[in-house]
């Protein structure tokens, strides 16, 4: 990679870090936020879900915005919106206000995340793609693991409002760098926005979130929740039919014919959903189940980060030695085993054993994410990168958002499991492990030679 390409990748990775950090930093601070805003702790997941799923709703138009107005303009505007929204979150005085400002954060993130990755992918040669993807993978691995400690320490010893205020100086640093480093990637013929496709997709995703939240509520309004889920199914089905027929669709679903891309879009999104739920549930498990402080719980979760760091230098050699399919399949199975192990943790579990289990979970989290992110664009032709990137960003953010929502739902469904406060969390961890059967089967069915070109085999 050239020096300029490396600095661009680092800038985009920094923006990703800021965006992903805010997707997960709330979890350990949830009890403190809930007490301040006078709501139940698990209800704070609405603020997390609203943020991530705003990304999923708006990301599909990011590709068109880039082609129409240029990458530099959209990326810098995203940084401004995200930074201002972060200040708004810090000033929130009620849960609805916090959710509203989180949605505004999601608007900024929806432009920042995919546009940055698109610029890197479109300006990087295939031979350098593994290295570029490695830069972009780090934020997804590091941010969710630093976030619990950061959120726990700030909420315990300062104020939960600081978890949002830290974005302000980061945004002020990123803005001039973006103006200097981001190239003016755009299209001479962006065409018209597929408004019908966007409205159908937005309606379907919004109804899906509303329905899941309704089912997960302490006192579910079943008729309203089920009606929303039926509407979601109808709208998303109509979205798929429209996108398959449209001459210039919002996102090109035909790219799913590429098998390595499809495995990442489907199985990889389920893997991401399950893995994303872990940093959300673990701090709550330790605080509400074991009675530990937010700072104590958050610091323990850093063991996941240690696992990420430790295995990172070996990830590429592993892919070259054993192949994408074997490494992917192994990381999924091992992640499921770690989840079952977490479900059996006790307050009396020796500290070294607990830290070792969390570190192992971090190892397989890192290997899985890197493998999926690397194989995703291995066989995608360069002219279709914009469409492929937009669709992948959408399904990944949707998977992450639904992972948090599903985690909260499973905790509520498991409320009758066990005599103490940790039973619902154990129930959730076991069911999340079972969900990993989906990506495991998809990985097992991949051809042995899948992704060999980018892996250097």
Protein backbone atom coordinates (compact mmCIF):
# COMPACT_ATOMS: atom_id res chain seq x y z
CA UNK A 1 0.00 0.00 0.00
CA UNK A 2 1.15 3.55 -0.69
CA UNK A 3 1.64 5.97 2.18
CA UNK A 4 -1.43 7.98 1.19
CA UNK A 5 -3.59 4.84 0.97
CA UNK A 6 -2.36 3.75 4.41
CA UNK A 7 -3.23 7.10 6.01
CA UNK A 8 -6.64 7.07 4.33
CA UNK A 9 -7.31 3.56 5.67
CA UNK A 10 -6.25 4.69 9.15
CA UNK A 11 -8.57 7.72 9.01
CA UNK A 12 -11.51 5.58 7.94
CA UNK A 13 -10.62 3.03 10.63
CA UNK A 14 -10.62 5.85 13.20
CA UNK A 15 -14.07 6.98 12.04
CA UNK A 16 -15.28 3.37 12.24
CA UNK A 17 -13.86 3.14 15.75
CA UNK A 18 -15.78 6.22 16.86
CA UNK A 19 -19.01 4.93 15.30
CA UNK A 20 -18.72 1.36 16.62
CA UNK A 21 -17.64 2.56 20.07
CA UNK A 22 -20.93 4.39 20.43
CA UNK A 23 -22.85 1.30 19.38
CA UNK A 24 -21.60 -0.61 22.44
CA UNK A 25 -20.40 1.87 25.06
CA UNK A 26 -23.89 2.27 26.55
CA UNK A 27 -24.18 -1.34 27.77
CA UNK A 28 -22.09 -1.17 30.99
CA UNK A 29 -23.51 2.26 31.76
CA UNK A 30 -27.11 1.10 31.28
CA UNK A 31 -27.96 0.77 35.00
CA UNK A 32 -26.61 4.28 35.69
CA UNK A 33 -28.41 5.79 32.68
CA UNK A 34 -31.62 3.98 33.64
CA UNK A 35 -31.44 5.24 37.22
CA UNK A 36 -30.83 8.81 36.04
CA UNK A 37 -33.64 8.67 33.44
CA UNK A 38 -35.93 6.63 35.73
CA UNK A 39 -36.49 3.60 33.49
CA UNK A 40 -35.66 -0.14 33.70
CA UNK A 41 -32.01 -1.00 32.90
CA UNK A 42 -32.88 -3.40 30.09
CA UNK A 43 -35.01 -0.68 28.44
CA UNK A 44 -31.81 1.18 27.57
CA UNK A 45 -31.31 -1.37 24.78
CA UNK A 46 -33.82 0.76 22.82
CA UNK A 47 -31.19 3.50 22.58
CA UNK A 48 -28.63 0.98 21.31
CA UNK A 49 -31.01 -0.64 18.84
CA UNK A 50 -32.35 2.70 17.55
CA UNK A 51 -28.81 3.84 16.78
CA UNK A 52 -27.64 0.71 14.98
CA UNK A 53 -30.84 0.17 13.04
CA UNK A 54 -30.94 3.80 11.91
CA UNK A 55 -27.67 2.90 10.24
CA UNK A 56 -29.29 -0.11 8.59
CA UNK A 57 -32.26 1.96 7.33
CA UNK A 58 -30.16 4.77 5.86
CA UNK A 59 -27.03 2.94 4.67
CA UNK A 60 -28.73 1.79 1.42
CA UNK A 61 -28.81 5.40 0.16
CA UNK A 62 -25.16 6.04 1.08
CA UNK A 63 -23.89 4.56 -2.17
CA UNK A 64 -26.14 6.82 -4.23
CA UNK A 65 -25.22 9.87 -2.13
CA UNK A 66 -21.53 9.15 -2.73
CA UNK A 67 -21.99 8.75 -6.48
CA UNK A 68 -24.14 11.90 -6.65
CA UNK A 69 -22.33 14.34 -4.34
CA UNK A 70 -18.85 12.86 -3.91
CA UNK A 71 -17.20 10.89 -1.12
CA UNK A 72 -15.32 13.79 0.50
CA UNK A 73 -18.43 15.94 0.91
CA UNK A 74 -20.59 13.13 2.31
CA UNK A 75 -17.89 11.78 4.63
CA UNK A 76 -17.11 15.19 6.16
CA UNK A 77 -20.81 16.00 6.56
CA UNK A 78 -21.24 12.68 8.35
CA UNK A 79 -18.49 13.57 10.84
CA UNK A 80 -20.16 16.93 11.58
CA UNK A 81 -23.61 15.36 12.15
CA UNK A 82 -22.18 12.56 14.29
CA UNK A 83 -20.20 14.95 16.48
CA UNK A 84 -23.13 17.32 17.06
CA UNK A 85 -25.45 14.39 17.83
CA UNK A 86 -22.95 13.06 20.38
CA UNK A 87 -23.16 16.37 22.24
CA UNK A 88 -26.95 16.07 22.11
CA UNK A 89 -26.84 12.58 23.64
CA UNK A 90 -24.77 13.92 26.53
CA UNK A 91 -27.44 16.55 27.19
CA UNK A 92 -30.40 14.10 27.15
CA UNK A 93 -32.77 14.37 30.11
CA UNK A 94 -35.18 11.54 29.23
CA UNK A 95 -35.13 8.21 27.40
CA UNK A 96 -37.11 9.54 24.39
CA UNK A 97 -34.64 12.43 24.08
CA UNK A 98 -31.70 10.04 24.29
CA UNK A 99 -33.25 7.80 21.63
CA UNK A 100 -33.91 10.80 19.35
CA UNK A 101 -30.31 12.01 19.55
CA UNK A 102 -29.07 8.44 19.05
CA UNK A 103 -31.13 8.29 15.85
CA UNK A 104 -29.38 11.50 14.73
CA UNK A 105 -26.06 9.84 15.52
CA UNK A 106 -27.18 6.95 13.34
CA UNK A 107 -27.84 9.37 10.48
CA UNK A 108 -24.23 10.51 10.67
CA UNK A 109 -22.94 6.97 11.02
CA UNK A 110 -25.00 5.79 8.05
CA UNK A 111 -23.02 8.15 5.82
CA UNK A 112 -19.68 7.76 7.60
CA UNK A 113 -19.35 3.96 7.77
CA UNK A 114 -20.09 2.74 4.23
CA UNK A 115 -18.70 5.79 2.41
CA UNK A 116 -15.36 5.45 4.17
CA UNK A 117 -15.11 1.74 3.43
CA UNK A 118 -16.19 2.29 -0.18
CA UNK A 119 -13.42 4.84 -0.73
CA UNK A 120 -10.80 2.43 0.64
CA UNK A 121 -12.07 -0.55 -1.36
CA UNK A 122 -12.37 1.39 -4.63
CA UNK A 123 -8.90 2.92 -4.34
CA UNK A 124 -7.13 -0.31 -3.29
CA UNK A 125 -5.75 -2.97 -5.61
CA UNK A 126 -6.95 -6.57 -5.09
CA UNK A 127 -3.42 -7.58 -4.10
CA UNK A 128 -3.50 -5.06 -1.22
CA UNK A 129 -7.09 -5.79 -0.21
CA UNK A 130 -6.21 -8.11 2.70
CA UNK A 131 -4.02 -5.41 4.28
CA UNK A 132 -6.64 -2.71 3.73
CA UNK A 133 -9.40 -4.89 5.19
CA UNK A 134 -7.16 -5.59 8.19
CA UNK A 135 -7.11 -1.86 8.98
CA UNK A 136 -10.90 -1.68 8.70
CA UNK A 137 -11.43 -4.82 10.80
CA UNK A 138 -9.61 -3.49 13.85
CA UNK A 139 -12.34 -1.02 14.93
CA UNK A 140 -15.00 -3.76 14.86
CA UNK A 141 -12.78 -5.90 17.08
CA UNK A 142 -11.35 -3.30 19.44
CA UNK A 143 -14.16 -0.77 19.98
CA UNK A 144 -16.78 -3.19 21.41
CA UNK A 145 -14.20 -4.47 23.88
CA UNK A 146 -12.76 -1.15 25.03
CA UNK A 147 -16.30 0.20 25.31
CA UNK A 148 -17.38 -1.87 28.35
CA UNK A 149 -14.38 -0.74 30.41
CA UNK A 150 -14.67 2.84 29.22
CA UNK A 151 -18.42 2.98 29.82
CA UNK A 152 -18.13 1.26 33.18
CA UNK A 153 -15.32 3.46 34.50
CA UNK A 154 -16.85 6.74 33.28
CA UNK A 155 -20.33 5.93 34.58
CA UNK A 156 -19.01 4.73 37.94
CA UNK A 157 -16.44 7.41 38.70
CA UNK A 158 -17.60 10.39 36.59
CA UNK A 159 -20.89 10.51 34.66
CA UNK A 160 -22.44 8.42 31.89
CA UNK A 161 -22.69 11.63 29.85
CA UNK A 162 -18.93 11.54 29.28
CA UNK A 163 -19.27 8.39 27.14
CA UNK A 164 -20.76 10.66 24.46
CA UNK A 165 -18.73 13.81 25.09
CA UNK A 166 -15.48 12.00 24.22
CA UNK A 167 -16.65 11.95 20.58
CA UNK A 168 -16.50 15.74 20.34
CA UNK A 169 -12.69 16.14 20.33
CA UNK A 170 -12.36 13.03 18.14
CA UNK A 171 -14.73 14.57 15.61
CA UNK A 172 -12.87 17.86 15.65
CA UNK A 173 -9.62 16.04 14.87
CA UNK A 174 -11.15 13.85 12.13
CA UNK A 175 -12.81 16.70 10.22
CA UNK A 176 -9.69 18.49 8.85
CA UNK A 177 -8.02 15.13 8.16
CA UNK A 178 -11.03 14.04 6.10
CA UNK A 179 -10.90 17.23 4.03
CA UNK A 180 -7.22 16.54 3.32
CA UNK A 181 -7.15 12.76 2.78
CA UNK A 182 -10.49 11.60 1.35
CA UNK A 183 -10.48 11.61 -2.49
CA UNK A 184 -13.46 12.96 -4.44
CA UNK A 185 -14.84 9.58 -5.49
CA UNK A 186 -18.08 10.06 -7.40
CA UNK A 187 -19.91 9.08 -10.61
CA UNK A 188 -20.65 11.20 -13.67
CA UNK A 189 -24.02 9.45 -13.93
CA UNK A 190 -25.41 8.63 -10.50
CA UNK A 191 -28.94 8.31 -11.87
CA UNK A 192 -32.09 8.87 -9.86
CA UNK A 193 -32.48 7.58 -6.33
CA UNK A 194 -34.65 4.46 -6.10
CA UNK A 195 -37.17 6.13 -3.80
CA UNK A 196 -39.64 3.24 -3.84
CA UNK A 197 -36.95 0.74 -2.88
CA UNK A 198 -35.72 2.99 -0.08
CA UNK A 199 -39.21 3.58 1.37
CA UNK A 200 -40.08 -0.11 1.24
CA UNK A 201 -36.81 -1.10 2.92
CA UNK A 202 -37.12 1.62 5.57
CA UNK A 203 -40.72 0.62 6.34
CA UNK A 204 -39.81 -3.07 6.61
CA UNK A 205 -36.81 -2.53 8.89
CA UNK A 206 -38.62 -0.03 11.12
CA UNK A 207 -41.61 -2.37 11.49
CA UNK A 208 -39.27 -5.25 12.29
CA UNK A 209 -37.58 -3.29 15.09
CA UNK A 210 -40.90 -2.07 16.48
CA UNK A 211 -42.29 -5.60 16.46
CA UNK A 212 -39.27 -7.11 18.19
CA UNK A 213 -39.29 -4.39 20.83
CA UNK A 214 -43.01 -4.96 21.35
CA UNK A 215 -42.52 -8.70 21.88
CA UNK A 216 -39.58 -8.05 24.23
CA UNK A 217 -41.48 -5.51 26.36
CA UNK A 218 -42.10 -6.22 30.03
CA UNK A 219 -45.83 -6.22 29.28
CA UNK A 220 -46.08 -7.11 25.58
CA UNK A 221 -48.94 -5.71 23.52
CA UNK A 222 -49.18 -8.83 21.40
CA UNK A 223 -51.68 -7.61 18.83
CA UNK A 224 -49.65 -4.48 18.06
CA UNK A 225 -46.30 -6.32 18.06
CA UNK A 226 -47.51 -9.17 15.83
CA UNK A 227 -49.14 -6.69 13.44
CA UNK A 228 -45.80 -4.87 13.14
CA UNK A 229 -43.99 -8.14 12.42
CA UNK A 230 -46.52 -9.07 9.74
CA UNK A 231 -46.09 -5.61 8.20
CA UNK A 232 -42.31 -6.08 8.32
CA UNK A 233 -42.53 -9.42 6.52
CA UNK A 234 -44.79 -7.95 3.83
CA UNK A 235 -42.69 -4.81 3.34
CA UNK A 236 -39.39 -6.68 3.20
CA UNK A 237 -40.84 -9.20 0.73
CA UNK A 238 -42.06 -6.34 -1.44
CA UNK A 239 -38.61 -4.74 -1.14
CA UNK A 240 -36.89 -7.87 -2.44
CA UNK A 241 -39.32 -8.23 -5.35
CA UNK A 242 -38.89 -4.57 -6.28
CA UNK A 243 -35.08 -4.68 -6.10
CA UNK A 244 -34.97 -7.78 -8.31
CA UNK A 245 -37.11 -6.08 -10.98
CA UNK A 246 -35.90 -2.46 -10.90
CA UNK A 247 -33.61 -1.29 -13.69
CA UNK A 248 -31.43 0.75 -11.28
CA UNK A 249 -32.25 -0.64 -7.81
CA UNK A 250 -31.29 0.91 -4.50
CA UNK A 251 -29.01 -2.09 -3.92
CA UNK A 252 -28.25 -4.85 -6.41
CA UNK A 253 -29.35 -8.16 -4.90
CA UNK A 254 -27.94 -10.03 -7.90
CA UNK A 255 -24.51 -9.70 -6.30
CA UNK A 256 -25.68 -12.43 -3.89
CA UNK A 257 -25.07 -14.89 -6.74
CA UNK A 258 -21.36 -14.65 -5.78
CA UNK A 259 -21.09 -17.48 -3.27
CA UNK A 260 -18.33 -16.12 -1.04
CA UNK A 261 -20.15 -12.79 -0.84
CA UNK A 262 -23.46 -14.52 -0.04
CA UNK A 263 -21.94 -16.54 2.81
CA UNK A 264 -20.69 -13.33 4.43
CA UNK A 265 -24.00 -11.54 3.85
CA UNK A 266 -26.10 -14.32 5.42
CA UNK A 267 -24.06 -16.54 7.73
CA UNK A 268 -21.60 -13.75 8.49
CA UNK A 269 -24.44 -11.45 9.57
CA UNK A 270 -25.82 -14.10 11.95
CA UNK A 271 -22.31 -14.56 13.35
CA UNK A 272 -21.97 -10.78 13.77
CA UNK A 273 -25.40 -10.56 15.46
CA UNK A 274 -24.52 -13.21 18.03
CA UNK A 275 -21.03 -11.86 18.68
CA UNK A 276 -22.33 -8.27 18.97
CA UNK A 277 -24.81 -9.35 21.64
CA UNK A 278 -22.02 -10.63 23.91
CA UNK A 279 -20.47 -7.26 24.92
CA UNK A 280 -24.01 -5.97 25.55
CA UNK A 281 -25.05 -8.89 27.78
CA UNK A 282 -21.81 -9.60 29.66
CA UNK A 283 -21.66 -6.34 31.67
CA UNK A 284 -25.34 -6.69 32.59
CA UNK A 285 -24.77 -10.36 33.51
CA UNK A 286 -21.91 -9.41 35.83
CA UNK A 287 -23.70 -6.39 37.33
CA UNK A 288 -27.30 -7.58 37.69
CA UNK A 289 -26.54 -11.30 38.00
CA UNK A 290 -23.37 -11.30 40.12
CA UNK A 291 -23.84 -7.92 41.83
CA UNK A 292 -20.52 -6.48 40.63
CA UNK A 293 -19.94 -2.78 39.93
CA UNK A 294 -20.04 -1.29 36.43
CA UNK A 295 -16.29 -0.60 36.54
CA UNK A 296 -15.48 -4.16 37.69
CA UNK A 297 -17.72 -5.70 35.02
CA UNK A 298 -16.38 -3.46 32.26
CA UNK A 299 -12.74 -4.10 33.10
CA UNK A 300 -13.23 -7.88 33.02
CA UNK A 301 -14.65 -7.71 29.50
CA UNK A 302 -11.30 -6.29 28.35
CA UNK A 303 -10.12 -9.91 28.42
CA UNK A 304 -11.94 -10.28 25.10
CA UNK A 305 -9.70 -7.52 23.75
CA UNK A 306 -6.61 -9.40 24.94
CA UNK A 307 -7.74 -12.41 22.93
CA UNK A 308 -8.22 -10.23 19.85
CA UNK A 309 -4.74 -8.75 20.14
CA UNK A 310 -3.03 -12.05 20.85
CA UNK A 311 -4.37 -13.90 17.81
CA UNK A 312 -4.25 -11.05 15.30
CA UNK A 313 -0.70 -11.67 13.97
CA UNK A 314 -1.57 -15.33 13.39
CA UNK A 315 -4.89 -14.78 11.58
CA UNK A 316 -3.50 -14.34 8.05
CA UNK A 317 -1.06 -17.29 8.40
CA UNK A 318 -3.96 -19.42 9.64
CA UNK A 319 -6.03 -18.55 6.55
CA UNK A 320 -3.09 -19.29 4.26
CA UNK A 321 -2.27 -22.56 5.99
CA UNK A 322 -5.73 -24.06 6.42
CA UNK A 323 -7.93 -22.09 3.99
CA UNK A 324 -10.89 -19.77 4.52
CA UNK A 325 -13.48 -22.51 4.94
CA UNK A 326 -11.66 -24.40 7.67
CA UNK A 327 -10.77 -21.28 9.66
CA UNK A 328 -14.28 -19.86 9.33
CA UNK A 329 -15.96 -23.12 10.36
CA UNK A 330 -13.62 -23.59 13.32
CA UNK A 331 -14.08 -20.06 14.62
CA UNK A 332 -17.88 -20.38 14.55
CA UNK A 333 -17.89 -23.71 16.43
CA UNK A 334 -15.37 -22.47 18.98
CA UNK A 335 -17.39 -19.28 19.55
CA UNK A 336 -20.47 -21.40 20.29
CA UNK A 337 -18.49 -23.46 22.80
CA UNK A 338 -17.29 -20.26 24.52
CA UNK A 339 -20.87 -19.01 24.81
CA UNK A 340 -21.90 -22.24 26.54
CA UNK A 341 -18.93 -21.84 28.87
CA UNK A 342 -19.95 -18.26 29.70
CA UNK A 343 -23.44 -19.48 30.56
CA UNK A 344 -21.92 -21.72 33.26
CA UNK A 345 -19.85 -18.98 34.93
CA UNK A 346 -20.48 -18.37 38.64
CA UNK A 347 -19.57 -15.47 40.97
CA UNK A 348 -17.14 -17.92 42.61
CA UNK A 349 -15.45 -18.94 39.35
CA UNK A 350 -11.65 -18.45 39.70
CA UNK A 351 -10.63 -15.16 38.13
CA UNK A 352 -7.97 -16.72 35.88
CA UNK A 353 -10.47 -19.24 34.50
CA UNK A 354 -13.02 -16.49 33.82
CA UNK A 355 -10.44 -14.28 32.11
CA UNK A 356 -9.12 -17.23 30.09
CA UNK A 357 -12.59 -18.08 28.80
CA UNK A 358 -13.29 -14.48 27.79
CA UNK A 359 -9.87 -14.24 26.11
CA UNK A 360 -10.59 -17.41 24.11
CA UNK A 361 -13.93 -15.94 23.05
CA UNK A 362 -12.02 -12.86 21.87
CA UNK A 363 -9.61 -15.04 19.88
CA UNK A 364 -12.37 -16.72 17.91
CA UNK A 365 -14.27 -13.46 17.55
CA UNK A 366 -11.21 -11.91 15.91
CA UNK A 367 -10.55 -14.87 13.61
CA UNK A 368 -14.20 -15.07 12.56
CA UNK A 369 -14.58 -11.36 11.80
CA UNK A 370 -11.32 -11.20 9.84
CA UNK A 371 -12.17 -14.28 7.80
CA UNK A 372 -15.66 -13.07 6.89
CA UNK A 373 -14.49 -9.54 6.07
CA UNK A 374 -11.66 -10.86 3.89
CA UNK A 375 -13.70 -13.38 1.90
CA UNK A 376 -16.64 -11.01 1.34
CA UNK A 377 -15.15 -9.11 -1.62
CA UNK A 378 -12.75 -11.81 -2.83
CA UNK A 379 -14.75 -12.64 -5.96
CA UNK A 380 -16.65 -9.37 -6.51
CA UNK A 381 -15.74 -7.62 -9.80
CA UNK A 382 -14.36 -4.09 -9.38
CA UNK A 383 -17.26 -2.37 -11.26
CA UNK A 384 -19.76 -3.87 -8.77
CA UNK A 385 -17.88 -2.84 -5.62
CA UNK A 386 -20.14 0.16 -4.84
CA UNK A 387 -23.32 -1.91 -4.88
CA UNK A 388 -21.67 -4.81 -3.04
CA UNK A 389 -20.30 -2.50 -0.34
CA UNK A 390 -23.68 -0.79 0.19
CA UNK A 391 -25.55 -4.07 0.56
CA UNK A 392 -22.88 -5.58 2.83
CA UNK A 393 -22.84 -2.51 5.08
CA UNK A 394 -26.63 -2.70 5.36
CA UNK A 395 -26.87 -6.37 6.28
CA UNK A 396 -23.94 -6.16 8.71
CA UNK A 397 -25.38 -3.18 10.58
CA UNK A 398 -28.80 -4.82 10.57
CA UNK A 399 -27.24 -7.99 11.94
CA UNK A 400 -25.45 -6.05 14.69
CA UNK A 401 -28.60 -4.14 15.63
CA UNK A 402 -30.78 -7.22 15.69
CA UNK A 403 -28.11 -8.99 17.77
CA UNK A 404 -28.51 -6.46 20.57
CA UNK A 405 -32.30 -6.56 20.24
CA UNK A 406 -32.29 -10.37 20.21
CA UNK A 407 -30.04 -10.46 23.27
CA UNK A 408 -32.43 -8.23 25.23
CA UNK A 409 -35.40 -10.29 23.98
CA UNK A 410 -33.80 -13.58 25.08
CA UNK A 411 -33.08 -12.14 28.53
CA UNK A 412 -36.72 -11.16 28.92
CA UNK A 413 -37.96 -14.51 27.60
CA UNK A 414 -35.68 -16.26 30.09
CA UNK A 415 -36.99 -14.24 33.04
CA UNK A 416 -38.53 -17.39 34.53
CA UNK A 417 -35.31 -19.43 34.28
CA UNK A 418 -33.43 -19.86 37.56
CA UNK A 419 -34.18 -18.60 41.02
CA UNK A 420 -31.78 -15.67 40.97
CA UNK A 421 -30.98 -12.72 38.73
CA UNK A 422 -28.46 -14.49 36.50
CA UNK A 423 -30.83 -17.18 35.13
CA UNK A 424 -32.19 -15.11 32.20
CA UNK A 425 -28.66 -14.28 31.05
CA UNK A 426 -27.58 -17.93 31.12
CA UNK A 427 -30.66 -18.76 29.06
CA UNK A 428 -29.75 -16.05 26.52
CA UNK A 429 -26.13 -17.20 26.16
CA UNK A 430 -27.14 -20.81 25.47
CA UNK A 431 -29.71 -19.82 22.82
CA UNK A 432 -27.20 -17.48 21.17
CA UNK A 433 -24.81 -20.44 20.94
CA UNK A 434 -27.51 -22.47 19.19
CA UNK A 435 -28.04 -19.67 16.65
CA UNK A 436 -24.45 -20.15 15.49
CA UNK A 437 -25.58 -23.37 13.80
CA UNK A 438 -26.64 -21.20 10.83
CA UNK A 439 -23.18 -19.78 9.97
CA UNK A 440 -21.57 -23.12 10.87
CA UNK A 441 -23.58 -24.98 8.22
CA UNK A 442 -22.92 -22.28 5.60
CA UNK A 443 -19.18 -22.33 6.31
CA UNK A 444 -19.07 -26.13 6.13
CA UNK A 445 -20.71 -26.10 2.68
CA UNK A 446 -18.21 -23.61 1.20
CA UNK A 447 -15.79 -24.98 -1.44
CA UNK A 448 -12.31 -25.71 -0.11
CA UNK A 449 -10.75 -23.19 -2.50
CA UNK A 450 -13.04 -20.30 -1.47
CA UNK A 451 -11.12 -17.05 -0.97
CA UNK A 452 -7.74 -18.52 -1.90
CA UNK A 453 -6.87 -15.56 -4.13
CA UNK A 454 -7.06 -12.90 -1.42
CA UNK A 455 -5.68 -15.24 1.26
CA UNK A 456 -2.53 -15.80 -0.79
CA UNK A 457 -2.94 -19.59 -0.98
